[in-house]
Structures are given as C-alpha cells and as structure tokens.
Amino acid sequence: MKSWQIVRLVAGTFILLSLALGVQGSPIFVSPWWLAFTAFVGANLLQSALTQWCLMESILRKLGVQAGS
C-alpha cells in the first residue's frame, strides 16, 4: 500500500470507531465525547486537503512506505 492509502484507511477506521464509541444507539457506546475525536480526524483531513501536508503521511514516508501518486 502507498502512504496516501494508509492515511485514508487509518482515518476511515478512526472515524467509524469513534462514531461507534460516541453514538448512544451503538452497542459499544462509551461516551459522547468520542465524537470530538471524529471532529479532530475530520479537521485534520480538511487541513491536509488545504495545505497539501499531512503529518501521518510524512511519518509513514520516513518509515519507508512508498509515497505513490
């Protein structure tokens, strides 16, 4: 997998998991504060789209993951 694919995979996983933990109708509900994590991930996706820079992608590249296009 390329670094941009891993970033999107992790972001999607974090969003779905935090929604499952933060929505009261969920069988694994913990606290509505998990929705703040959902907002954090969304804000980071928005920031990376506007600035063309993503910290996680930079870290993955330093770990040797291919950048891709």
N, C-alpha and C. Protein backbone atom coordinates (compact mmCIF):
# COMPACT_ATOMS: atom_id res chain seq x y z
N MET A 1 0.84 -1.18 0.00
CA MET A 1 0.00 0.00 0.00
C MET A 1 0.88 1.24 0.00
N LYS A 2 0.40 2.26 -0.64
CA LYS A 2 1.07 3.55 -0.67
C LYS A 2 0.71 4.35 0.58
N SER A 3 1.53 5.36 0.91
CA SER A 3 1.30 6.13 2.13
C SER A 3 -0.06 6.83 2.14
N TRP A 4 -0.49 7.36 1.01
CA TRP A 4 -1.79 8.05 0.98
C TRP A 4 -2.94 7.07 1.21
N GLN A 5 -2.77 5.81 0.79
CA GLN A 5 -3.81 4.81 1.02
C GLN A 5 -3.88 4.44 2.50
N ILE A 6 -2.74 4.34 3.14
CA ILE A 6 -2.71 4.01 4.57
C ILE A 6 -3.33 5.14 5.38
N VAL A 7 -3.04 6.39 5.02
CA VAL A 7 -3.62 7.54 5.73
C VAL A 7 -5.14 7.48 5.65
N ARG A 8 -5.67 7.24 4.48
CA ARG A 8 -7.13 7.19 4.32
C ARG A 8 -7.74 5.99 5.03
N LEU A 9 -7.04 4.86 5.02
CA LEU A 9 -7.51 3.67 5.72
C LEU A 9 -7.58 3.93 7.23
N VAL A 10 -6.54 4.51 7.78
CA VAL A 10 -6.50 4.80 9.22
C VAL A 10 -7.54 5.85 9.58
N ALA A 11 -7.67 6.91 8.77
CA ALA A 11 -8.66 7.96 9.05
C ALA A 11 -10.07 7.39 9.03
N GLY A 12 -10.38 6.59 8.03
CA GLY A 12 -11.71 5.98 7.96
C GLY A 12 -11.99 5.06 9.13
N THR A 13 -10.98 4.28 9.52
CA THR A 13 -11.13 3.39 10.67
C THR A 13 -11.36 4.19 11.95
N PHE A 14 -10.57 5.25 12.14
CA PHE A 14 -10.74 6.09 13.33
C PHE A 14 -12.13 6.73 13.37
N ILE A 15 -12.60 7.21 12.24
CA ILE A 15 -13.92 7.85 12.20
C ILE A 15 -15.01 6.85 12.55
N LEU A 16 -14.99 5.68 11.92
CA LEU A 16 -16.03 4.68 12.20
C LEU A 16 -15.97 4.19 13.64
N LEU A 17 -14.77 3.97 14.16
CA LEU A 17 -14.63 3.51 15.54
C LEU A 17 -15.10 4.57 16.54
N SER A 18 -14.71 5.84 16.31
CA SER A 18 -15.12 6.89 17.24
C SER A 18 -16.62 7.14 17.17
N LEU A 19 -17.22 6.97 15.99
CA LEU A 19 -18.68 7.07 15.91
C LEU A 19 -19.35 5.94 16.68
N ALA A 20 -18.81 4.73 16.55
CA ALA A 20 -19.38 3.59 17.28
C ALA A 20 -19.27 3.78 18.78
N LEU A 21 -18.19 4.42 19.23
CA LEU A 21 -18.00 4.64 20.66
C LEU A 21 -18.75 5.88 21.18
N GLY A 22 -19.16 6.78 20.26
CA GLY A 22 -19.74 8.04 20.70
C GLY A 22 -21.23 8.21 20.47
N VAL A 23 -21.85 7.34 19.67
CA VAL A 23 -23.28 7.46 19.38
C VAL A 23 -24.05 6.57 20.35
N GLN A 24 -25.02 7.13 21.02
CA GLN A 24 -25.71 6.42 22.11
C GLN A 24 -26.43 5.15 21.66
N GLY A 25 -26.86 5.06 20.43
CA GLY A 25 -27.54 3.86 19.96
C GLY A 25 -26.62 2.70 19.66
N SER A 26 -25.32 2.92 19.71
CA SER A 26 -24.34 1.89 19.37
C SER A 26 -24.22 0.86 20.48
N PRO A 27 -24.01 -0.41 20.12
CA PRO A 27 -23.85 -1.44 21.15
C PRO A 27 -22.54 -1.30 21.93
N ILE A 28 -21.57 -0.55 21.42
CA ILE A 28 -20.31 -0.37 22.14
C ILE A 28 -20.13 1.09 22.60
N PHE A 29 -21.25 1.78 22.81
CA PHE A 29 -21.23 3.18 23.26
C PHE A 29 -20.45 3.31 24.56
N VAL A 30 -19.59 4.32 24.62
CA VAL A 30 -18.82 4.61 25.82
C VAL A 30 -19.17 6.01 26.35
N SER A 31 -19.00 7.02 25.47
CA SER A 31 -19.23 8.40 25.87
C SER A 31 -19.44 9.25 24.63
N PRO A 32 -20.30 10.26 24.71
CA PRO A 32 -20.46 11.15 23.55
C PRO A 32 -19.20 11.97 23.26
N TRP A 33 -18.26 12.01 24.19
CA TRP A 33 -17.01 12.74 23.97
C TRP A 33 -16.17 12.11 22.86
N TRP A 34 -16.44 10.86 22.50
CA TRP A 34 -15.73 10.25 21.37
C TRP A 34 -16.03 10.97 20.07
N LEU A 35 -17.13 11.68 19.99
CA LEU A 35 -17.45 12.44 18.79
C LEU A 35 -16.47 13.58 18.57
N ALA A 36 -15.81 14.04 19.63
CA ALA A 36 -14.77 15.06 19.49
C ALA A 36 -13.59 14.49 18.70
N PHE A 37 -13.31 13.22 18.88
CA PHE A 37 -12.24 12.57 18.11
C PHE A 37 -12.62 12.49 16.64
N THR A 38 -13.89 12.22 16.37
CA THR A 38 -14.38 12.22 14.99
C THR A 38 -14.15 13.59 14.35
N ALA A 39 -14.48 14.64 15.08
CA ALA A 39 -14.28 16.01 14.58
C ALA A 39 -12.80 16.30 14.38
N PHE A 40 -11.94 15.82 15.26
CA PHE A 40 -10.50 16.02 15.14
C PHE A 40 -9.96 15.38 13.87
N VAL A 41 -10.36 14.15 13.60
CA VAL A 41 -9.91 13.46 12.38
C VAL A 41 -10.42 14.20 11.15
N GLY A 42 -11.68 14.62 11.16
CA GLY A 42 -12.23 15.37 10.03
C GLY A 42 -11.50 16.68 9.81
N ALA A 43 -11.16 17.38 10.89
CA ALA A 43 -10.43 18.64 10.78
C ALA A 43 -9.03 18.41 10.20
N ASN A 44 -8.39 17.32 10.59
CA ASN A 44 -7.08 17.01 10.04
C ASN A 44 -7.16 16.66 8.56
N LEU A 45 -8.21 15.97 8.15
CA LEU A 45 -8.39 15.68 6.72
C LEU A 45 -8.60 16.97 5.93
N LEU A 46 -9.40 17.87 6.47
CA LEU A 46 -9.63 19.16 5.83
C LEU A 46 -8.33 19.97 5.74
N GLN A 47 -7.60 20.02 6.83
CA GLN A 47 -6.32 20.75 6.85
C GLN A 47 -5.35 20.18 5.82
N SER A 48 -5.25 18.86 5.73
CA SER A 48 -4.31 18.26 4.78
C SER A 48 -4.74 18.51 3.33
N ALA A 49 -6.03 18.60 3.09
CA ALA A 49 -6.50 18.90 1.74
C ALA A 49 -6.17 20.34 1.35
N LEU A 50 -6.24 21.25 2.30
CA LEU A 50 -5.99 22.67 2.01
C LEU A 50 -4.50 23.01 1.95
N THR A 51 -3.69 22.34 2.77
CA THR A 51 -2.27 22.68 2.84
C THR A 51 -1.37 21.73 2.06
N GLN A 52 -1.93 20.62 1.60
CA GLN A 52 -1.15 19.59 0.89
C GLN A 52 -0.06 18.98 1.78
N TRP A 53 -0.28 18.96 3.11
CA TRP A 53 0.67 18.39 4.05
C TRP A 53 -0.08 17.59 5.11
N CYS A 54 0.43 16.39 5.38
CA CYS A 54 -0.19 15.51 6.38
C CYS A 54 0.93 14.92 7.24
N LEU A 55 0.86 15.12 8.55
CA LEU A 55 1.89 14.63 9.46
C LEU A 55 2.02 13.11 9.37
N MET A 56 0.91 12.41 9.37
CA MET A 56 0.97 10.95 9.33
C MET A 56 1.65 10.45 8.06
N GLU A 57 1.35 11.09 6.93
CA GLU A 57 1.98 10.69 5.68
C GLU A 57 3.49 10.95 5.72
N SER A 58 3.90 12.05 6.34
CA SER A 58 5.32 12.34 6.49
C SER A 58 6.01 11.28 7.34
N ILE A 59 5.36 10.87 8.42
CA ILE A 59 5.91 9.82 9.28
C ILE A 59 6.00 8.50 8.53
N LEU A 60 4.96 8.15 7.79
CA LEU A 60 4.98 6.90 7.03
C LEU A 60 6.10 6.89 6.00
N ARG A 61 6.33 8.00 5.34
CA ARG A 61 7.41 8.09 4.35
C ARG A 61 8.76 7.90 5.01
N LYS A 62 8.96 8.47 6.21
CA LYS A 62 10.22 8.29 6.93
C LYS A 62 10.41 6.84 7.36
N LEU A 63 9.29 6.13 7.55
CA LEU A 63 9.37 4.71 7.91
C LEU A 63 9.58 3.82 6.69
N GLY A 64 9.65 4.43 5.50
CA GLY A 64 9.95 3.69 4.29
C GLY A 64 8.76 3.28 3.43
N VAL A 65 7.58 3.79 3.75
CA VAL A 65 6.41 3.47 2.95
C VAL A 65 6.45 4.31 1.67
N GLN A 66 6.14 3.69 0.54
CA GLN A 66 6.13 4.40 -0.75
C GLN A 66 5.11 5.51 -0.78
N ALA A 67 5.48 6.64 -1.41
CA ALA A 67 4.58 7.78 -1.49
C ALA A 67 3.45 7.55 -2.48
N GLY A 68 3.75 7.14 -3.67
CA GLY A 68 2.71 6.93 -4.68
C GLY A 68 2.12 8.23 -5.17
N SER A 69 1.16 8.11 -6.10
CA SER A 69 0.53 9.32 -6.63
C SER A 69 -0.95 9.11 -6.83
